Amino acid sequence: MEILNTHYKEWLPKIEFVHAKILRKDDTGEIQPMDVAFIEGAISSNSQEEKLKRIREKADKLITIGSCATTGSPSNQRNFFQGKKLEEIEPILQKFKYKEKVLKVSDVVTVNMSINGCPMNETQFIQCMENLLAEKHA
């Protein structure tokens, strides 16, 4: 969202936000068809997995942004816990209905492009946006 501060005037006439939870108070859960979906974060619950699948069905292209979505790390550190450490987090996993293992987005759906980094590589994101906008408005 911070990148929009510097590209707002240039990009806004070319972009329509159809679903951006960060920009809305009332998230109805209904997902509209879209050209591109940007996904940030790893998948750690069945509800997140189901929402991701609904987004993928509605998006022509799906792009992961950030390391958690792209590689699963560092969110997936608990996937490697054993013994006592795993026992310690079990009540948290149950309380929040988390999956046994944290998944990267491509473990669940087809990904068209990834922008890695934690935080994501801003230069790559801007180039990605420029390419997408050029494709759409060619």
N, C-alpha and C. Protein backbone atom coordinates (compact mmCIF):
# COMPACT_ATOMS: atom_id res chain seq x y z
N MET A 1 0.82 -1.19 0.00
CA MET A 1 0.00 0.00 0.00
C MET A 1 0.87 1.26 0.00
N GLU A 2 2.02 1.18 0.66
CA GLU A 2 2.90 2.35 0.70
C GLU A 2 3.39 2.75 -0.69
N ILE A 3 3.57 1.77 -1.56
CA ILE A 3 4.04 2.08 -2.92
C ILE A 3 3.02 2.94 -3.66
N LEU A 4 1.74 2.77 -3.32
CA LEU A 4 0.73 3.61 -3.96
C LEU A 4 0.94 5.09 -3.67
N ASN A 5 1.55 5.40 -2.54
CA ASN A 5 1.81 6.81 -2.22
C ASN A 5 2.62 7.50 -3.30
N THR A 6 3.58 6.78 -3.88
CA THR A 6 4.44 7.40 -4.88
C THR A 6 3.94 7.19 -6.31
N HIS A 7 3.00 6.27 -6.50
CA HIS A 7 2.51 5.98 -7.85
C HIS A 7 1.00 6.20 -7.99
N TYR A 8 0.40 6.81 -6.99
CA TYR A 8 -1.05 6.98 -6.92
C TYR A 8 -1.62 7.66 -8.17
N LYS A 9 -1.11 8.81 -8.50
CA LYS A 9 -1.67 9.57 -9.62
C LYS A 9 -1.50 8.84 -10.95
N GLU A 10 -0.39 8.15 -11.08
CA GLU A 10 -0.08 7.43 -12.32
C GLU A 10 -0.93 6.16 -12.46
N TRP A 11 -1.08 5.40 -11.37
CA TRP A 11 -1.74 4.10 -11.44
C TRP A 11 -3.24 4.14 -11.22
N LEU A 12 -3.74 5.05 -10.41
CA LEU A 12 -5.15 5.02 -10.03
C LEU A 12 -6.12 5.01 -11.20
N PRO A 13 -5.88 5.79 -12.25
CA PRO A 13 -6.83 5.74 -13.37
C PRO A 13 -6.84 4.38 -14.09
N LYS A 14 -5.84 3.57 -13.85
CA LYS A 14 -5.70 2.29 -14.55
C LYS A 14 -6.06 1.08 -13.67
N ILE A 15 -6.33 1.32 -12.39
CA ILE A 15 -6.57 0.23 -11.44
C ILE A 15 -7.95 0.34 -10.84
N GLU A 16 -8.62 -0.79 -10.74
CA GLU A 16 -9.85 -0.86 -9.98
C GLU A 16 -9.66 -1.93 -8.91
N PHE A 17 -9.78 -1.53 -7.67
CA PHE A 17 -9.68 -2.48 -6.57
C PHE A 17 -11.03 -3.17 -6.41
N VAL A 18 -11.05 -4.47 -6.62
CA VAL A 18 -12.31 -5.20 -6.45
C VAL A 18 -12.39 -5.87 -5.09
N HIS A 19 -11.26 -6.10 -4.46
CA HIS A 19 -11.24 -6.68 -3.12
C HIS A 19 -9.89 -6.36 -2.50
N ALA A 20 -9.90 -5.56 -1.48
CA ALA A 20 -8.68 -5.23 -0.76
C ALA A 20 -9.05 -5.07 0.71
N LYS A 21 -8.90 -6.14 1.45
CA LYS A 21 -9.31 -6.14 2.85
C LYS A 21 -8.66 -5.00 3.62
N ILE A 22 -7.45 -4.65 3.28
CA ILE A 22 -6.73 -3.59 3.97
C ILE A 22 -7.40 -2.23 3.76
N LEU A 23 -8.17 -2.08 2.70
CA LEU A 23 -8.81 -0.80 2.37
C LEU A 23 -10.27 -0.74 2.80
N ARG A 24 -10.80 -1.83 3.37
CA ARG A 24 -12.23 -1.88 3.68
C ARG A 24 -12.48 -2.27 5.13
N LYS A 25 -13.51 -1.67 5.70
CA LYS A 25 -13.95 -2.07 7.03
C LYS A 25 -14.89 -3.25 6.93
N ASP A 26 -15.74 -3.26 5.94
CA ASP A 26 -16.76 -4.31 5.79
C ASP A 26 -16.31 -5.32 4.75
N ASP A 27 -15.75 -6.40 5.20
CA ASP A 27 -15.30 -7.46 4.31
C ASP A 27 -16.42 -8.49 4.20
N THR A 28 -17.20 -8.40 3.13
CA THR A 28 -18.34 -9.29 2.96
C THR A 28 -17.92 -10.71 2.61
N GLY A 29 -16.69 -10.88 2.20
CA GLY A 29 -16.23 -12.21 1.83
C GLY A 29 -16.51 -12.56 0.38
N GLU A 30 -17.37 -11.76 -0.29
CA GLU A 30 -17.66 -12.02 -1.69
C GLU A 30 -16.50 -11.53 -2.54
N ILE A 31 -16.01 -12.39 -3.39
CA ILE A 31 -14.85 -12.06 -4.22
C ILE A 31 -15.29 -11.95 -5.67
N GLN A 32 -15.04 -10.80 -6.25
CA GLN A 32 -15.43 -10.51 -7.63
C GLN A 32 -14.34 -10.98 -8.60
N PRO A 33 -14.70 -11.22 -9.87
CA PRO A 33 -13.69 -11.54 -10.87
C PRO A 33 -12.65 -10.41 -10.96
N MET A 34 -11.41 -10.78 -11.24
CA MET A 34 -10.34 -9.79 -11.30
C MET A 34 -9.26 -10.24 -12.28
N ASP A 35 -8.54 -9.27 -12.78
CA ASP A 35 -7.43 -9.57 -13.68
C ASP A 35 -6.25 -10.15 -12.91
N VAL A 36 -5.93 -9.53 -11.77
CA VAL A 36 -4.74 -9.92 -11.00
C VAL A 36 -5.08 -9.94 -9.52
N ALA A 37 -4.61 -10.97 -8.85
CA ALA A 37 -4.70 -11.03 -7.39
C ALA A 37 -3.28 -11.07 -6.85
N PHE A 38 -3.01 -10.20 -5.89
CA PHE A 38 -1.74 -10.21 -5.18
C PHE A 38 -2.00 -10.87 -3.82
N ILE A 39 -1.22 -11.87 -3.51
CA ILE A 39 -1.40 -12.61 -2.26
C ILE A 39 -0.16 -12.43 -1.40
N GLU A 40 -0.39 -12.00 -0.17
CA GLU A 40 0.69 -11.84 0.80
C GLU A 40 0.41 -12.77 1.97
N GLY A 41 1.44 -13.43 2.47
CA GLY A 41 1.30 -14.27 3.65
C GLY A 41 1.19 -15.74 3.32
N ALA A 42 1.65 -16.56 4.25
CA ALA A 42 1.57 -18.01 4.12
C ALA A 42 0.17 -18.47 4.52
N ILE A 43 -0.13 -19.71 4.21
CA ILE A 43 -1.44 -20.30 4.50
C ILE A 43 -1.31 -21.17 5.75
N SER A 44 -2.00 -20.77 6.80
CA SER A 44 -1.84 -21.50 8.06
C SER A 44 -3.15 -22.08 8.61
N SER A 45 -4.26 -21.90 7.86
CA SER A 45 -5.53 -22.47 8.33
C SER A 45 -6.35 -22.95 7.13
N ASN A 46 -7.31 -23.81 7.41
CA ASN A 46 -8.20 -24.29 6.34
C ASN A 46 -9.02 -23.15 5.76
N SER A 47 -9.45 -22.20 6.61
CA SER A 47 -10.24 -21.08 6.09
C SER A 47 -9.41 -20.21 5.15
N GLN A 48 -8.13 -20.01 5.46
CA GLN A 48 -7.25 -19.26 4.56
C GLN A 48 -7.08 -20.01 3.24
N GLU A 49 -6.94 -21.32 3.33
CA GLU A 49 -6.78 -22.14 2.13
C GLU A 49 -8.02 -22.05 1.24
N GLU A 50 -9.20 -22.12 1.84
CA GLU A 50 -10.44 -22.03 1.07
C GLU A 50 -10.60 -20.66 0.42
N LYS A 51 -10.27 -19.61 1.16
CA LYS A 51 -10.35 -18.26 0.59
C LYS A 51 -9.38 -18.11 -0.57
N LEU A 52 -8.18 -18.63 -0.41
CA LEU A 52 -7.19 -18.58 -1.48
C LEU A 52 -7.71 -19.28 -2.73
N LYS A 53 -8.34 -20.41 -2.58
CA LYS A 53 -8.89 -21.13 -3.73
C LYS A 53 -9.99 -20.32 -4.40
N ARG A 54 -10.83 -19.62 -3.62
CA ARG A 54 -11.88 -18.78 -4.20
C ARG A 54 -11.26 -17.61 -4.97
N ILE A 55 -10.20 -17.04 -4.41
CA ILE A 55 -9.51 -15.95 -5.11
C ILE A 55 -8.92 -16.45 -6.41
N ARG A 56 -8.27 -17.60 -6.38
CA ARG A 56 -7.64 -18.17 -7.59
C ARG A 56 -8.67 -18.41 -8.67
N GLU A 57 -9.86 -18.86 -8.30
CA GLU A 57 -10.93 -19.09 -9.27
C GLU A 57 -11.36 -17.80 -9.96
N LYS A 58 -11.26 -16.69 -9.27
CA LYS A 58 -11.74 -15.40 -9.78
C LYS A 58 -10.65 -14.58 -10.46
N ALA A 59 -9.39 -14.96 -10.28
CA ALA A 59 -8.27 -14.16 -10.79
C ALA A 59 -7.69 -14.77 -12.07
N ASP A 60 -7.49 -13.91 -13.07
CA ASP A 60 -6.80 -14.37 -14.27
C ASP A 60 -5.35 -14.69 -13.97
N LYS A 61 -4.72 -13.87 -13.14
CA LYS A 61 -3.32 -14.07 -12.73
C LYS A 61 -3.24 -13.95 -11.22
N LEU A 62 -2.39 -14.76 -10.62
CA LEU A 62 -2.17 -14.69 -9.18
C LEU A 62 -0.67 -14.51 -8.94
N ILE A 63 -0.35 -13.48 -8.17
CA ILE A 63 1.05 -13.14 -7.90
C ILE A 63 1.27 -13.14 -6.40
N THR A 64 2.28 -13.89 -5.96
CA THR A 64 2.62 -13.87 -4.54
C THR A 64 3.59 -12.73 -4.28
N ILE A 65 3.39 -12.08 -3.13
CA ILE A 65 4.31 -11.01 -2.76
C ILE A 65 4.82 -11.27 -1.34
N GLY A 66 6.12 -11.25 -1.21
CA GLY A 66 6.76 -11.48 0.08
C GLY A 66 7.16 -12.93 0.27
N SER A 67 8.11 -13.13 1.15
CA SER A 67 8.67 -14.45 1.39
C SER A 67 7.66 -15.45 1.93
N CYS A 68 6.80 -15.03 2.84
CA CYS A 68 5.85 -15.97 3.43
C CYS A 68 4.95 -16.59 2.37
N ALA A 69 4.41 -15.77 1.48
CA ALA A 69 3.55 -16.29 0.42
C ALA A 69 4.34 -17.09 -0.60
N THR A 70 5.54 -16.64 -0.91
CA THR A 70 6.34 -17.23 -1.97
C THR A 70 7.05 -18.52 -1.55
N THR A 71 7.66 -18.50 -0.37
CA THR A 71 8.45 -19.67 0.08
C THR A 71 7.89 -20.32 1.34
N GLY A 72 6.98 -19.65 1.99
CA GLY A 72 6.45 -20.15 3.27
C GLY A 72 7.24 -19.65 4.46
N SER A 73 8.46 -19.21 4.24
CA SER A 73 9.34 -18.77 5.33
C SER A 73 9.28 -17.27 5.50
N PRO A 74 9.40 -16.76 6.67
CA PRO A 74 9.69 -17.45 7.93
C PRO A 74 8.46 -17.99 8.65
N SER A 75 7.26 -17.78 8.11
CA SER A 75 6.05 -18.24 8.80
C SER A 75 6.04 -19.75 9.06
N ASN A 76 6.70 -20.49 8.20
CA ASN A 76 6.66 -21.95 8.32
C ASN A 76 7.69 -22.53 9.29
N GLN A 77 8.31 -21.70 10.09
CA GLN A 77 9.32 -22.22 11.03
C GLN A 77 8.75 -23.31 11.92
N ARG A 78 7.50 -23.19 12.30
CA ARG A 78 6.91 -24.21 13.17
C ARG A 78 6.79 -25.57 12.49
N ASN A 79 6.85 -25.61 11.17
CA ASN A 79 6.81 -26.90 10.47
C ASN A 79 7.97 -27.79 10.87
N PHE A 80 9.02 -27.19 11.40
CA PHE A 80 10.24 -27.94 11.73
C PHE A 80 10.39 -28.19 13.22
N PHE A 81 9.40 -27.75 14.00
CA PHE A 81 9.44 -28.01 15.44
C PHE A 81 9.26 -29.50 15.69
N GLN A 82 9.91 -29.96 16.76
CA GLN A 82 9.79 -31.35 17.16
C GLN A 82 9.66 -31.42 18.67
N GLY A 83 9.19 -32.56 19.13
CA GLY A 83 9.17 -32.84 20.56
C GLY A 83 8.47 -31.81 21.40
N LYS A 84 9.17 -31.33 22.42
CA LYS A 84 8.59 -30.43 23.41
C LYS A 84 8.10 -29.12 22.79
N LYS A 85 8.86 -28.59 21.87
CA LYS A 85 8.47 -27.32 21.23
C LYS A 85 7.14 -27.49 20.48
N LEU A 86 6.97 -28.60 19.80
CA LEU A 86 5.73 -28.88 19.09
C LEU A 86 4.57 -29.04 20.09
N GLU A 87 4.82 -29.70 21.19
CA GLU A 87 3.81 -29.85 22.25
C GLU A 87 3.40 -28.49 22.81
N GLU A 88 4.36 -27.60 22.96
CA GLU A 88 4.08 -26.27 23.52
C GLU A 88 3.14 -25.46 22.65
N ILE A 89 3.24 -25.60 21.34
CA ILE A 89 2.40 -24.79 20.46
C ILE A 89 1.07 -25.45 20.11
N GLU A 90 0.91 -26.71 20.43
CA GLU A 90 -0.31 -27.45 20.08
C GLU A 90 -1.58 -26.74 20.56
N PRO A 91 -1.65 -26.22 21.78
CA PRO A 91 -2.88 -25.52 22.21
C PRO A 91 -3.18 -24.29 21.34
N ILE A 92 -2.15 -23.61 20.89
CA ILE A 92 -2.35 -22.43 20.03
C ILE A 92 -2.89 -22.86 18.67
N LEU A 93 -2.32 -23.93 18.12
CA LEU A 93 -2.79 -24.43 16.83
C LEU A 93 -4.27 -24.81 16.92
N GLN A 94 -4.65 -25.45 18.00
CA GLN A 94 -6.04 -25.85 18.16
C GLN A 94 -6.95 -24.65 18.39
N LYS A 95 -6.54 -23.73 19.23
CA LYS A 95 -7.36 -22.56 19.55
C LYS A 95 -7.70 -21.75 18.30
N PHE A 96 -6.72 -21.55 17.44
CA PHE A 96 -6.93 -20.73 16.25
C PHE A 96 -7.24 -21.57 15.00
N LYS A 97 -7.41 -22.86 15.19
CA LYS A 97 -7.74 -23.79 14.11
C LYS A 97 -6.71 -23.74 12.98
N TYR A 98 -5.45 -23.71 13.38
CA TYR A 98 -4.37 -23.70 12.41
C TYR A 98 -4.10 -25.10 11.88
N LYS A 99 -3.63 -25.15 10.66
CA LYS A 99 -3.24 -26.41 10.05
C LYS A 99 -2.00 -26.97 10.75
N GLU A 100 -1.78 -28.24 10.57
CA GLU A 100 -0.59 -28.87 11.16
C GLU A 100 0.68 -28.25 10.58
N LYS A 101 0.66 -27.96 9.28
CA LYS A 101 1.82 -27.37 8.61
C LYS A 101 1.42 -26.07 7.92
N VAL A 102 2.31 -25.10 7.93
CA VAL A 102 2.12 -23.85 7.20
C VAL A 102 2.50 -24.11 5.74
N LEU A 103 1.69 -23.59 4.82
CA LEU A 103 1.91 -23.81 3.39
C LEU A 103 2.27 -22.52 2.68
N LYS A 104 3.10 -22.62 1.66
CA LYS A 104 3.28 -21.48 0.77
C LYS A 104 2.12 -21.51 -0.22
N VAL A 105 1.83 -20.40 -0.83
CA VAL A 105 0.66 -20.28 -1.71
C VAL A 105 0.69 -21.32 -2.82
N SER A 106 1.85 -21.56 -3.43
CA SER A 106 1.93 -22.50 -4.55
C SER A 106 1.70 -23.94 -4.12
N ASP A 107 1.66 -24.22 -2.82
CA ASP A 107 1.28 -25.55 -2.36
C ASP A 107 -0.22 -25.78 -2.53
N VAL A 108 -0.96 -24.69 -2.70
CA VAL A 108 -2.42 -24.76 -2.73
C VAL A 108 -2.99 -24.46 -4.11
N VAL A 109 -2.45 -23.44 -4.79
CA VAL A 109 -2.98 -23.01 -6.09
C VAL A 109 -1.84 -22.71 -7.06
N THR A 110 -2.18 -22.55 -8.31
CA THR A 110 -1.22 -22.17 -9.34
C THR A 110 -0.88 -20.69 -9.19
N VAL A 111 0.41 -20.41 -9.23
CA VAL A 111 0.93 -19.04 -9.11
C VAL A 111 1.54 -18.65 -10.44
N ASN A 112 1.22 -17.45 -10.92
CA ASN A 112 1.76 -16.98 -12.19
C ASN A 112 3.10 -16.26 -12.05
N MET A 113 3.30 -15.63 -10.90
CA MET A 113 4.54 -14.87 -10.70
C MET A 113 4.74 -14.68 -9.20
N SER A 114 6.00 -14.55 -8.79
CA SER A 114 6.30 -14.32 -7.38
C SER A 114 7.29 -13.18 -7.23
N ILE A 115 7.04 -12.38 -6.20
CA ILE A 115 7.97 -11.31 -5.84
C ILE A 115 8.41 -11.61 -4.41
N ASN A 116 9.63 -12.06 -4.27
CA ASN A 116 10.12 -12.53 -2.98
C ASN A 116 10.64 -11.37 -2.14
N GLY A 117 11.05 -11.68 -0.94
CA GLY A 117 11.66 -10.72 -0.04
C GLY A 117 10.81 -10.48 1.18
N CYS A 118 11.47 -10.08 2.24
CA CYS A 118 10.78 -9.79 3.50
C CYS A 118 11.42 -8.53 4.09
N PRO A 119 10.85 -7.37 3.78
CA PRO A 119 9.64 -7.16 2.99
C PRO A 119 9.89 -7.44 1.51
N MET A 120 8.80 -7.49 0.76
CA MET A 120 8.95 -7.80 -0.68
C MET A 120 9.86 -6.79 -1.35
N ASN A 121 10.45 -7.22 -2.45
CA ASN A 121 11.34 -6.36 -3.22
C ASN A 121 10.50 -5.30 -3.94
N GLU A 122 10.60 -4.07 -3.47
CA GLU A 122 9.78 -2.97 -3.99
C GLU A 122 10.05 -2.71 -5.47
N THR A 123 11.30 -2.77 -5.87
CA THR A 123 11.67 -2.52 -7.27
C THR A 123 11.02 -3.56 -8.18
N GLN A 124 11.05 -4.82 -7.76
CA GLN A 124 10.41 -5.88 -8.56
C GLN A 124 8.90 -5.69 -8.62
N PHE A 125 8.30 -5.26 -7.51
CA PHE A 125 6.85 -5.04 -7.51
C PHE A 125 6.48 -3.91 -8.47
N ILE A 126 7.20 -2.83 -8.43
CA ILE A 126 6.91 -1.70 -9.33
C ILE A 126 7.07 -2.13 -10.78
N GLN A 127 8.12 -2.88 -11.08
CA GLN A 127 8.31 -3.37 -12.45
C GLN A 127 7.18 -4.31 -12.86
N CYS A 128 6.75 -5.16 -11.94
CA CYS A 128 5.63 -6.06 -12.19
C CYS A 128 4.37 -5.25 -12.52
N MET A 129 4.08 -4.25 -11.71
CA MET A 129 2.90 -3.41 -11.94
C MET A 129 2.99 -2.70 -13.29
N GLU A 130 4.15 -2.16 -13.61
CA GLU A 130 4.33 -1.47 -14.89
C GLU A 130 4.07 -2.44 -16.05
N ASN A 131 4.59 -3.67 -15.94
CA ASN A 131 4.38 -4.67 -16.99
C ASN A 131 2.91 -5.05 -17.11
N LEU A 132 2.25 -5.26 -15.96
CA LEU A 132 0.83 -5.62 -15.98
C LEU A 132 -0.02 -4.51 -16.59
N LEU A 133 0.26 -3.29 -16.21
CA LEU A 133 -0.49 -2.16 -16.74
C LEU A 133 -0.24 -1.97 -18.25
N ALA A 134 1.00 -2.20 -18.67
CA ALA A 134 1.31 -2.09 -20.09
C ALA A 134 0.57 -3.16 -20.88
N GLU A 135 0.50 -4.40 -20.35
CA GLU A 135 -0.24 -5.49 -20.99
C GLU A 135 -1.71 -5.13 -21.13
N LYS A 136 -2.26 -4.64 -20.06
CA LYS A 136 -3.71 -4.37 -20.00
C LYS A 136 -4.10 -3.19 -20.89
N HIS A 137 -3.23 -2.23 -20.98
CA HIS A 137 -3.57 -0.99 -21.70
C HIS A 137 -2.82 -0.86 -23.03
N ALA A 138 -2.39 -2.00 -23.57
CA ALA A 138 -1.67 -1.97 -24.85
C ALA A 138 -2.63 -1.86 -26.02
